C-alpha atoms as a PDB file:
ATOM      1  CA  UNK A   1      86.301 107.902  72.746  1.00  0.00           C
ATOM      2  CA  UNK A   2      86.249 107.660  76.521  1.00  0.00           C
ATOM      3  CA  UNK A   3      88.779 104.957  77.276  1.00  0.00           C
ATOM      4  CA  UNK A   4      91.348 102.880  75.422  1.00  0.00           C
ATOM      5  CA  UNK A   5      92.782 100.312  77.838  1.00  0.00           C
ATOM      6  CA  UNK A   6      95.832  98.169  77.149  1.00  0.00           C
ATOM      7  CA  UNK A   7      95.975  95.117  79.421  1.00  0.00           C
ATOM      8  CA  UNK A   8      99.400  93.572  79.731  1.00  0.00           C
ATOM      9  CA  UNK A   9     101.533  91.724  82.263  1.00  0.00           C
ATOM     10  CA  UNK A  10     102.709  88.272  83.237  1.00  0.00           C
ATOM     11  CA  UNK A  11     101.107  85.105  81.959  1.00  0.00           C
ATOM     12  CA  UNK A  12      98.794  83.686  84.624  1.00  0.00           C
ATOM     13  CA  UNK A  13      98.361  87.028  86.403  1.00  0.00           C
ATOM     14  CA  UNK A  14      94.702  87.517  85.490  1.00  0.00           C
ATOM     15  CA  UNK A  15      94.738  89.331  82.138  1.00  0.00           C
ATOM     16  CA  UNK A  16      92.100  87.106  80.540  1.00  0.00           C
ATOM     17  CA  UNK A  17      89.802  87.460  83.522  1.00  0.00           C
ATOM     18  CA  UNK A  18      90.280  91.234  83.368  1.00  0.00           C
ATOM     19  CA  UNK A  19      89.433  91.326  79.658  1.00  0.00           C
ATOM     20  CA  UNK A  20      86.311  89.244  80.223  1.00  0.00           C
ATOM     21  CA  UNK A  21      85.280  91.548  83.042  1.00  0.00           C
ATOM     22  CA  UNK A  22      85.749  94.690  80.939  1.00  0.00           C
ATOM     23  CA  UNK A  23      83.845  93.063  78.089  1.00  0.00           C
ATOM     24  CA  UNK A  24      80.956  92.439  80.479  1.00  0.00           C
ATOM     25  CA  UNK A  25      81.128  96.137  81.371  1.00  0.00           C
ATOM     26  CA  UNK A  26      80.614  97.154  77.767  1.00  0.00           C
ATOM     27  CA  UNK A  27      84.180  97.429  76.474  1.00  0.00           C
ATOM     28  CA  UNK A  28      85.022  96.281  72.960  1.00  0.00           C
ATOM     29  CA  UNK A  29      87.802  93.774  73.724  1.00  0.00           C
ATOM     30  CA  UNK A  30      90.441  92.144  71.531  1.00  0.00           C
ATOM     31  CA  UNK A  31      92.865  89.516  72.809  1.00  0.00           C
ATOM     32  CA  UNK A  32      96.399  89.220  71.434  1.00  0.00           C
ATOM     33  CA  UNK A  33      96.145  91.835  68.720  1.00  0.00           C
ATOM     34  CA  UNK A  34      99.467  92.100  66.845  1.00  0.00           C
ATOM     35  CA  UNK A  35     101.318  95.034  68.383  1.00  0.00           C
ATOM     36  CA  UNK A  36     101.932  96.817  65.076  1.00  0.00           C
ATOM     37  CA  UNK A  37      98.146  96.906  64.469  1.00  0.00           C
ATOM     38  CA  UNK A  38      97.386  98.940  67.597  1.00  0.00           C
ATOM     39  CA  UNK A  39      97.578 102.397  65.892  1.00  0.00           C
ATOM     40  CA  UNK A  40      95.288 101.461  62.953  1.00  0.00           C
ATOM     41  CA  UNK A  41      92.934  99.700  65.365  1.00  0.00           C
ATOM     42  CA  UNK A  42      92.735 102.830  67.495  1.00  0.00           C
ATOM     43  CA  UNK A  43      92.077 104.980  64.411  1.00  0.00           C
ATOM     44  CA  UNK A  44      89.290 102.611  63.354  1.00  0.00           C
ATOM     45  CA  UNK A  45      87.687 102.768  66.805  1.00  0.00           C
ATOM     46  CA  UNK A  46      87.967 106.550  66.830  1.00  0.00           C
ATOM     47  CA  UNK A  47      86.052 106.763  63.543  1.00  0.00           C
ATOM     48  CA  UNK A  48      83.285 104.692  65.146  1.00  0.00           C
ATOM     49  CA  UNK A  49      83.279 106.485  68.495  1.00  0.00           C
ATOM     50  CA  UNK A  50      79.500 106.919  68.368  1.00  0.00           C
ATOM     51  CA  UNK A  51      79.032 103.166  68.737  1.00  0.00           C
ATOM     52  CA  UNK A  52      82.293 102.107  70.429  1.00  0.00           C
ATOM     53  CA  UNK A  53      83.202 104.478  73.231  1.00  0.00           C
ATOM     54  CA  UNK A  54      85.420 102.143  75.263  1.00  0.00           C
ATOM     55  CA  UNK A  55      87.878  99.493  74.072  1.00  0.00           C
ATOM     56  CA  UNK A  56      90.447  97.173  75.657  1.00  0.00           C
ATOM     57  CA  UNK A  57      93.328  95.185  74.198  1.00  0.00           C
ATOM     58  CA  UNK A  58      95.282  92.317  75.738  1.00  0.00           C
ATOM     59  CA  UNK A  59      98.929  92.589  74.658  1.00  0.00           C
ATOM     60  CA  UNK A  60     101.480  90.265  76.219  1.00  0.00           C
ATOM     61  CA  UNK A  61     104.447  87.976  75.656  1.00  0.00           C
ATOM     62  CA  UNK A  62     102.582  86.147  72.878  1.00  0.00           C
ATOM     63  CA  UNK A  63     103.404  89.160  70.699  1.00  0.00           C
ATOM     64  CA  UNK A  64     106.917  87.809  70.320  1.00  0.00           C
ATOM     65  CA  UNK A  65     109.633  90.081  69.001  1.00  0.00           C
ATOM     66  CA  UNK A  66     107.097  92.717  67.972  1.00  0.00           C
ATOM     67  CA  UNK A  67     106.386  93.341  71.662  1.00  0.00           C
ATOM     68  CA  UNK A  68     109.440  95.620  71.785  1.00  0.00           C
ATOM     69  CA  UNK A  69     107.438  98.087  69.654  1.00  0.00           C
ATOM     70  CA  UNK A  70     104.787  98.553  72.333  1.00  0.00           C
ATOM     71  CA  UNK A  71     106.522 101.267  74.440  1.00  0.00           C
ATOM     72  CA  UNK A  72     106.985 103.571  71.430  1.00  0.00           C
ATOM     73  CA  UNK A  73     103.418 102.946  70.252  1.00  0.00           C
ATOM     74  CA  UNK A  74     102.025 103.812  73.687  1.00  0.00           C
ATOM     75  CA  UNK A  75     104.124 106.978  73.895  1.00  0.00           C
ATOM     76  CA  UNK A  76     102.886 108.071  70.467  1.00  0.00           C
ATOM     77  CA  UNK A  77      99.271 107.462  71.469  1.00  0.00           C
ATOM     78  CA  UNK A  78      99.745 109.529  74.610  1.00  0.00           C
ATOM     79  CA  UNK A  79     101.381 112.312  72.620  1.00  0.00           C
ATOM     80  CA  UNK A  80      98.332 112.413  70.355  1.00  0.00           C
ATOM     81  CA  UNK A  81      96.076 112.828  73.422  1.00  0.00           C
ATOM     82  CA  UNK A  82      94.533 109.386  73.038  1.00  0.00           C
ATOM     83  CA  UNK A  83      92.703 108.298  76.235  1.00  0.00           C
ATOM     84  CA  UNK A  84      95.051 105.338  76.613  1.00  0.00           C
ATOM     85  CA  UNK A  85      95.576 103.592  79.944  1.00  0.00           C
ATOM     86  CA  UNK A  86      98.019 100.727  80.401  1.00  0.00           C
ATOM     87  CA  UNK A  87      97.321  98.191  83.137  1.00  0.00           C
ATOM     88  CA  UNK A  88     100.158  95.842  84.068  1.00  0.00           C
ATOM     89  CA  UNK A  89      99.074  92.672  85.867  1.00  0.00           C
ATOM     90  CA  UNK A  90     101.752  91.256  88.136  1.00  0.00           C
ATOM     91  CA  UNK A  91     101.945  88.281  90.495  1.00  0.00           C
ATOM     92  CA  UNK A  92     104.559  86.593  92.664  1.00  0.00           C
ATOM     93  CA  UNK A  93     106.380  83.564  91.272  1.00  0.00           C
ATOM     94  CA  UNK A  94     104.965  80.996  93.717  1.00  0.00           C
ATOM     95  CA  UNK A  95     101.377  81.982  92.921  1.00  0.00           C
ATOM     96  CA  UNK A  96     102.065  81.840  89.186  1.00  0.00           C
ATOM     97  CA  UNK A  97     103.526  78.340  89.520  1.00  0.00           C
ATOM     98  CA  UNK A  98     100.478  77.202  91.493  1.00  0.00           C
ATOM     99  CA  UNK A  99      98.064  78.639  88.955  1.00  0.00           C
ATOM    100  CA  UNK A 100      99.777  76.942  86.017  1.00  0.00           C
ATOM    101  CA  UNK A 101      99.804  73.686  87.977  1.00  0.00           C
ATOM    102  CA  UNK A 102      96.094  73.948  88.789  1.00  0.00           C
ATOM    103  CA  UNK A 103      94.995  74.857  85.257  1.00  0.00           C
ATOM    104  CA  UNK A 104      97.483  72.472  83.610  1.00  0.00           C
ATOM    105  CA  UNK A 105      97.963  75.004  80.844  1.00  0.00           C
ATOM    106  CA  UNK A 106     101.444  75.480  79.408  1.00  0.00           C
ATOM    107  CA  UNK A 107     103.245  78.776  79.798  1.00  0.00           C
ATOM    108  CA  UNK A 108     103.413  80.666  76.460  1.00  0.00           C
ATOM    109  CA  UNK A 109     107.218  80.395  76.600  1.00  0.00           C
ATOM    110  CA  UNK A 110     107.233  76.698  77.514  1.00  0.00           C
ATOM    111  CA  UNK A 111     108.619  75.586  74.154  1.00  0.00           C
ATOM    112  CA  UNK A 112     111.620  77.920  74.324  1.00  0.00           C
ATOM    113  CA  UNK A 113     112.574  77.568  78.006  1.00  0.00           C
ATOM    114  CA  UNK A 114     113.661  74.482  79.952  1.00  0.00           C
ATOM    115  CA  UNK A 115     111.286  74.968  82.913  1.00  0.00           C
ATOM    116  CA  UNK A 116     108.322  76.958  84.197  1.00  0.00           C
ATOM    117  CA  UNK A 117     110.614  78.801  86.629  1.00  0.00           C
ATOM    118  CA  UNK A 118     112.880  79.893  83.773  1.00  0.00           C
ATOM    119  CA  UNK A 119     109.891  80.939  81.677  1.00  0.00           C
ATOM    120  CA  UNK A 120     108.576  83.190  84.451  1.00  0.00           C
ATOM    121  CA  UNK A 121     111.983  84.788  85.038  1.00  0.00           C
ATOM    122  CA  UNK A 122     112.527  85.339  81.313  1.00  0.00           C
ATOM    123  CA  UNK A 123     109.071  86.801  80.785  1.00  0.00           C
ATOM    124  CA  UNK A 124     109.451  89.129  83.756  1.00  0.00           C
ATOM    125  CA  UNK A 125     112.755  90.411  82.345  1.00  0.00           C
ATOM    126  CA  UNK A 126     111.359  90.958  78.845  1.00  0.00           C
ATOM    127  CA  UNK A 127     108.370  92.896  80.196  1.00  0.00           C
ATOM    128  CA  UNK A 128     110.416  95.172  82.467  1.00  0.00           C
ATOM    129  CA  UNK A 129     110.275  98.257  80.207  1.00  0.00           C
ATOM    130  CA  UNK A 130     106.550  97.807  79.622  1.00  0.00           C
ATOM    131  CA  UNK A 131     105.958  97.448  83.367  1.00  0.00           C
ATOM    132  CA  UNK A 132     107.747 100.737  84.003  1.00  0.00           C
ATOM    133  CA  UNK A 133     105.533 102.429  81.405  1.00  0.00           C
ATOM    134  CA  UNK A 134     102.231 101.243  82.900  1.00  0.00           C
ATOM    135  CA  UNK A 135      99.748 103.693  84.384  1.00  0.00           C
ATOM    136  CA  UNK A 136      98.674 101.164  86.968  1.00  0.00           C
ATOM    137  CA  UNK A 137     100.254  98.063  88.457  1.00  0.00           C
ATOM    138  CA  UNK A 138      97.783  95.450  89.688  1.00  0.00           C
ATOM    139  CA  UNK A 139      99.270  92.681  91.831  1.00  0.00           C
ATOM    140  CA  UNK A 140      96.871  89.732  91.835  1.00  0.00           C
ATOM    141  CA  UNK A 141      98.966  87.481  94.095  1.00  0.00           C
ATOM    142  CA  UNK A 142      96.456  87.710  96.943  1.00  0.00           C
ATOM    143  CA  UNK A 143      93.297  88.536  95.014  1.00  0.00           C
ATOM    144  CA  UNK A 144      90.575  86.009  94.311  1.00  0.00           C
ATOM    145  CA  UNK A 145      88.784  86.124  90.989  1.00  0.00           C
ATOM    146  CA  UNK A 146      85.779  87.689  92.725  1.00  0.00           C
ATOM    147  CA  UNK A 147      87.931  90.372  94.350  1.00  0.00           C
ATOM    148  CA  UNK A 148      89.642  91.222  91.063  1.00  0.00           C
ATOM    149  CA  UNK A 149      86.284  91.562  89.297  1.00  0.00           C
ATOM    150  CA  UNK A 150      85.011  93.833  92.091  1.00  0.00           C
ATOM    151  CA  UNK A 151      88.115  96.020  91.809  1.00  0.00           C
ATOM    152  CA  UNK A 152      87.835  96.323  88.022  1.00  0.00           C
ATOM    153  CA  UNK A 153      84.116  96.993  88.180  1.00  0.00           C
ATOM    154  CA  UNK A 154      84.580  99.825  90.660  1.00  0.00           C
ATOM    155  CA  UNK A 155      87.425 101.351  88.620  1.00  0.00           C
ATOM    156  CA  UNK A 156      86.132 100.845  85.072  1.00  0.00           C
ATOM    157  CA  UNK A 157      82.442 100.067  85.428  1.00  0.00           C
ATOM    158  CA  UNK A 158      80.962 103.387  84.368  1.00  0.00           C
ATOM    159  CA  UNK A 159      81.873 105.799  81.594  1.00  0.00           C
ATOM    160  CA  UNK A 160      84.167 108.440  83.002  1.00  0.00           C
ATOM    161  CA  UNK A 161      82.518 111.844  83.139  1.00  0.00           C
ATOM    162  CA  UNK A 162      84.209 115.089  84.111  1.00  0.00           C
ATOM    163  CA  UNK A 163      84.167 115.323  87.866  1.00  0.00           C
ATOM    164  CA  UNK A 164      83.666 111.573  88.406  1.00  0.00           C
ATOM    165  CA  UNK A 165      86.120 109.614  90.529  1.00  0.00           C
ATOM    166  CA  UNK A 166      85.844 105.969  91.523  1.00  0.00           C
ATOM    167  CA  UNK A 167      87.481 105.408  94.909  1.00  0.00           C
ATOM    168  CA  UNK A 168      88.673 102.060  96.256  1.00  0.00           C
ATOM    169  CA  UNK A 169      89.434 101.895  99.969  1.00  0.00           C
ATOM    170  CA  UNK A 170      91.646  98.936 100.815  1.00  0.00           C
ATOM    171  CA  UNK A 171      92.773  97.531 104.145  1.00  0.00           C
ATOM    172  CA  UNK A 172      95.800  95.242 104.273  1.00  0.00           C
ATOM    173  CA  UNK A 173      98.399  93.688 106.552  1.00  0.00           C
ATOM    174  CA  UNK A 174     102.022  94.725 106.190  1.00  0.00           C
ATOM    175  CA  UNK A 175     103.073  91.161 106.999  1.00  0.00           C
ATOM    176  CA  UNK A 176     101.544  90.148 103.647  1.00  0.00           C
ATOM    177  CA  UNK A 177     103.092  92.988 101.645  1.00  0.00           C
ATOM    178  CA  UNK A 178     102.071  96.461 100.529  1.00  0.00           C
ATOM    179  CA  UNK A 179      99.448  96.403  97.733  1.00  0.00           C
ATOM    180  CA  UNK A 180     101.078  97.474  94.494  1.00  0.00           C
ATOM    181  CA  UNK A 181      97.836  98.933  93.132  1.00  0.00           C
ATOM    182  CA  UNK A 182      97.601 101.538  95.918  1.00  0.00           C
ATOM    183  CA  UNK A 183      97.820 105.224  95.007  1.00  0.00           C
ATOM    184  CA  UNK A 184      97.964 106.358  98.651  1.00  0.00           C
ATOM    185  CA  UNK A 185      99.263 104.213 101.525  1.00  0.00           C
ATOM    186  CA  UNK A 186      98.731 104.994 105.213  1.00  0.00           C
ATOM    187  CA  UNK A 187     100.464 103.039 107.970  1.00  0.00           C
ATOM    188  CA  UNK A 188      98.185 102.807 111.040  1.00  0.00           C
ATOM    189  CA  UNK A 189     100.393 100.503 113.101  1.00  0.00           C
ATOM    190  CA  UNK A 190     101.020 103.352 115.552  1.00  0.00           C
ATOM    191  CA  UNK A 191      97.448 103.013 116.869  1.00  0.00           C
ATOM    192  CA  UNK A 192      96.635 100.831 119.924  1.00  0.00           C
ATOM    193  CA  UNK A 193      96.475  97.213 118.810  1.00  0.00           C
ATOM    194  CA  UNK A 194      93.284  95.240 119.701  1.00  0.00           C
ATOM    195  CA  UNK A 195      95.210  92.027 119.056  1.00  0.00           C
ATOM    196  CA  UNK A 196      96.693  92.307 122.547  1.00  0.00           C
ATOM    197  CA  UNK A 197      93.277  92.511 124.203  1.00  0.00           C
ATOM    198  CA  UNK A 198      92.004  88.987 124.893  1.00  0.00           C
ATOM    199  CA  UNK A 199      88.344  89.801 124.293  1.00  0.00           C
ATOM    200  CA  UNK A 200      89.124  91.508 120.970  1.00  0.00           C
ATOM    201  CA  UNK A 201      91.751  89.221 119.470  1.00  0.00           C
ATOM    202  CA  UNK A 202      89.161  87.026 117.754  1.00  0.00           C
ATOM    203  CA  UNK A 203      87.120  89.945 116.441  1.00  0.00           C
ATOM    204  CA  UNK A 204      87.777  92.200 113.449  1.00  0.00           C
ATOM    205  CA  UNK A 205      87.647  95.888 112.666  1.00  0.00           C
ATOM    206  CA  UNK A 206      84.075  95.410 111.505  1.00  0.00           C
ATOM    207  CA  UNK A 207      82.979  94.708 115.077  1.00  0.00           C
ATOM    208  CA  UNK A 208      81.681  97.584 117.204  1.00  0.00           C
ATOM    209  CA  UNK A 209      83.762  96.454 120.180  1.00  0.00           C
ATOM    210  CA  UNK A 210      86.991  96.909 118.214  1.00  0.00           C
ATOM    211  CA  UNK A 211      85.969 100.341 116.965  1.00  0.00           C
ATOM    212  CA  UNK A 212      84.960 101.417 120.459  1.00  0.00           C
ATOM    213  CA  UNK A 213      88.327 100.273 121.793  1.00  0.00           C
ATOM    214  CA  UNK A 214      90.204 102.238 119.133  1.00  0.00           C
ATOM    215  CA  UNK A 215      88.209 105.411 119.669  1.00  0.00           C
ATOM    216  CA  UNK A 216      88.716 105.301 123.416  1.00  0.00           C
ATOM    217  CA  UNK A 217      92.215 106.481 122.550  1.00  0.00           C
ATOM    218  CA  UNK A 218      92.285 110.118 121.435  1.00  0.00           C
ATOM    219  CA  UNK A 219      95.027 109.461 118.895  1.00  0.00           C
ATOM    220  CA  UNK A 220      92.626 107.389 116.779  1.00  0.00           C
ATOM    221  CA  UNK A 221      90.056 110.145 116.401  1.00  0.00           C
ATOM    222  CA  UNK A 222      92.743 112.767 115.815  1.00  0.00           C
ATOM    223  CA  UNK A 223      94.369 110.701 113.082  1.00  0.00           C
ATOM    224  CA  UNK A 224      91.004 109.934 111.507  1.00  0.00           C
ATOM    225  CA  UNK A 225      90.068 113.624 111.384  1.00  0.00           C
ATOM    226  CA  UNK A 226      93.392 114.497 109.764  1.00  0.00           C
ATOM    227  CA  UNK A 227      93.099 111.604 107.293  1.00  0.00           C
ATOM    228  CA  UNK A 228      89.573 112.513 106.238  1.00  0.00           C
ATOM    229  CA  UNK A 229      90.555 116.176 105.861  1.00  0.00           C
ATOM    230  CA  UNK A 230      93.528 115.200 103.672  1.00  0.00           C
ATOM    231  CA  UNK A 231      91.405 112.950 101.462  1.00  0.00           C
ATOM    232  CA  UNK A 232      88.741 115.665 101.178  1.00  0.00           C
ATOM    233  CA  UNK A 233      91.481 118.073 100.091  1.00  0.00           C
ATOM    234  CA  UNK A 234      93.038 115.704  97.565  1.00  0.00           C
ATOM    235  CA  UNK A 235      89.992 114.292  95.779  1.00  0.00           C
ATOM    236  CA  UNK A 236      88.900 117.525  94.031  1.00  0.00           C
ATOM    237  CA  UNK A 237      92.492 118.024  92.884  1.00  0.00           C
ATOM    238  CA  UNK A 238      92.645 114.509  91.445  1.00  0.00           C
ATOM    239  CA  UNK A 239      89.332 115.082  89.671  1.00  0.00           C
ATOM    240  CA  UNK A 240      90.673 118.349  88.261  1.00  0.00           C
ATOM    241  CA  UNK A 241      93.663 116.471  86.842  1.00  0.00           C
ATOM    242  CA  UNK A 242      91.328 113.968  85.164  1.00  0.00           C
ATOM    243  CA  UNK A 243      92.067 110.998  87.408  1.00  0.00           C
ATOM    244  CA  UNK A 244      89.269 108.442  87.107  1.00  0.00           C
ATOM    245  CA  UNK A 245      90.118 106.014  89.921  1.00  0.00           C
ATOM    246  CA  UNK A 246      91.912 106.220  93.238  1.00  0.00           C
ATOM    247  CA  UNK A 247      92.959 103.419  95.589  1.00  0.00           C
ATOM    248  CA  UNK A 248      93.542 104.411  99.215  1.00  0.00           C
ATOM    249  CA  UNK A 249      95.240 101.686 101.265  1.00  0.00           C
ATOM    250  CA  UNK A 250      95.399 101.541 105.054  1.00  0.00           C
ATOM    251  CA  UNK A 251      97.704  98.971 106.600  1.00  0.00           C
ATOM    252  CA  UNK A 252      98.245  97.506 110.044  1.00  0.00           C
ATOM    253  CA  UNK A 253     100.272  94.458 111.043  1.00  0.00           C
ATOM    254  CA  UNK A 254      97.894  91.678 110.048  1.00  0.00           C
ATOM    255  CA  UNK A 255      95.107  93.523 108.245  1.00  0.00           C
ATOM    256  CA  UNK A 256      92.457  92.399 110.731  1.00  0.00           C
ATOM    257  CA  UNK A 257      91.693  95.135 113.271  1.00  0.00           C
ATOM    258  CA  UNK A 258      92.982  98.701 112.932  1.00  0.00           C
ATOM    259  CA  UNK A 259      93.187  99.014 109.160  1.00  0.00           C
ATOM    260  CA  UNK A 260      89.809  97.334 108.695  1.00  0.00           C
ATOM    261  CA  UNK A 261      88.057  99.637 111.171  1.00  0.00           C
ATOM    262  CA  UNK A 262      89.525 102.802 109.664  1.00  0.00           C
ATOM    263  CA  UNK A 263      88.884 101.643 106.098  1.00  0.00           C
ATOM    264  CA  UNK A 264      85.235 101.013 106.924  1.00  0.00           C
ATOM    265  CA  UNK A 265      84.861 104.443 108.473  1.00  0.00           C
ATOM    266  CA  UNK A 266      86.662 106.147 105.579  1.00  0.00           C
ATOM    267  CA  UNK A 267      84.317 104.407 103.162  1.00  0.00           C
ATOM    268  CA  UNK A 268      81.324 105.665 105.140  1.00  0.00           C
ATOM    269  CA  UNK A 269      82.780 109.177 105.181  1.00  0.00           C
ATOM    270  CA  UNK A 270      83.211 109.183 101.390  1.00  0.00           C
ATOM    271  CA  UNK A 271      79.799 107.668 100.724  1.00  0.00           C
ATOM    272  CA  UNK A 272      78.203 110.370 102.865  1.00  0.00           C
ATOM    273  CA  UNK A 273      79.613 112.850 100.342  1.00  0.00           C
ATOM    274  CA  UNK A 274      78.005 110.991  97.433  1.00  0.00           C
ATOM    275  CA  UNK A 275      81.316 109.588  96.215  1.00  0.00           C
ATOM    276  CA  UNK A 276      81.493 106.109  94.721  1.00  0.00           C
ATOM    277  CA  UNK A 277      83.583 104.312  97.356  1.00  0.00           C
ATOM    278  CA  UNK A 278      84.154 100.554  97.410  1.00  0.00           C
ATOM    279  CA  UNK A 279      85.741  99.092 100.547  1.00  0.00           C
ATOM    280  CA  UNK A 280      87.753  95.886 100.316  1.00  0.00           C
ATOM    281  CA  UNK A 281      89.679  94.057 103.066  1.00  0.00           C
ATOM    282  CA  UNK A 282      92.465  92.193 101.319  1.00  0.00           C
ATOM    283  CA  UNK A 283      93.852  90.184 104.228  1.00  0.00           C
ATOM    284  CA  UNK A 284      90.815  89.786 106.480  1.00  0.00           C
ATOM    285  CA  UNK A 285      90.455  86.138 107.429  1.00  0.00           C
ATOM    286  CA  UNK A 286      94.117  85.233 106.978  1.00  0.00           C
ATOM    287  CA  UNK A 287      96.050  83.772 109.855  1.00  0.00           C
END
């Protein structure tokens, strides 16, 4: 078996969308499997590994009191060398409230809590241990459905072979928060800022004029050379350790100029080495 993915996290954070996406990618998916049935389910899948090589489960607050068994079950699976990965989907409270309002669906804890706010707080507290156990935290607060699908496709879209690494390069603005899903974060706010150049303020890091401005300053090229050399050094080591996906995040103030330009050029650098690199600009277009 290549992958056994457990999808968990807050209600309204995108777990169902993630499961649907993985199912489209060929995963055998089960939603809301009783927690105590995870070990026998895994054993069953293992015995049919010739036909089912990748599986995903959605396990969340709907599991009730049995959810407290999940940490021990996951630890036991890892001890037995099962290829288990736990993804925890998170989201800020305001976005969760908006999503429940837009969909008009009740929160799973609505019947036992006096308000949506209380339900979110209670659920977050009850999932704290599981969150700490997750292999990857995915914050969907600022991701559209399309962006989340693109991220999952790049990270889980192909069977993992030895020596294969899916790389996501992400630009972002610190004013909107550091992306929780990032494995490596680089702060590029020390570079000259095109925002203070009238002719460049309305452009983005995708424009040649912005890139030319940045590279007129020697510090940009020096940093870029050091960054690329570091990434080139790290990637083979991550592959050797069996890592299957890597998210490299570059941040500037607003996520419009410097981080975008450097993310684009890092993506080109990686692609030139025949690495699967997907570039995404989280905050491009925001005010």
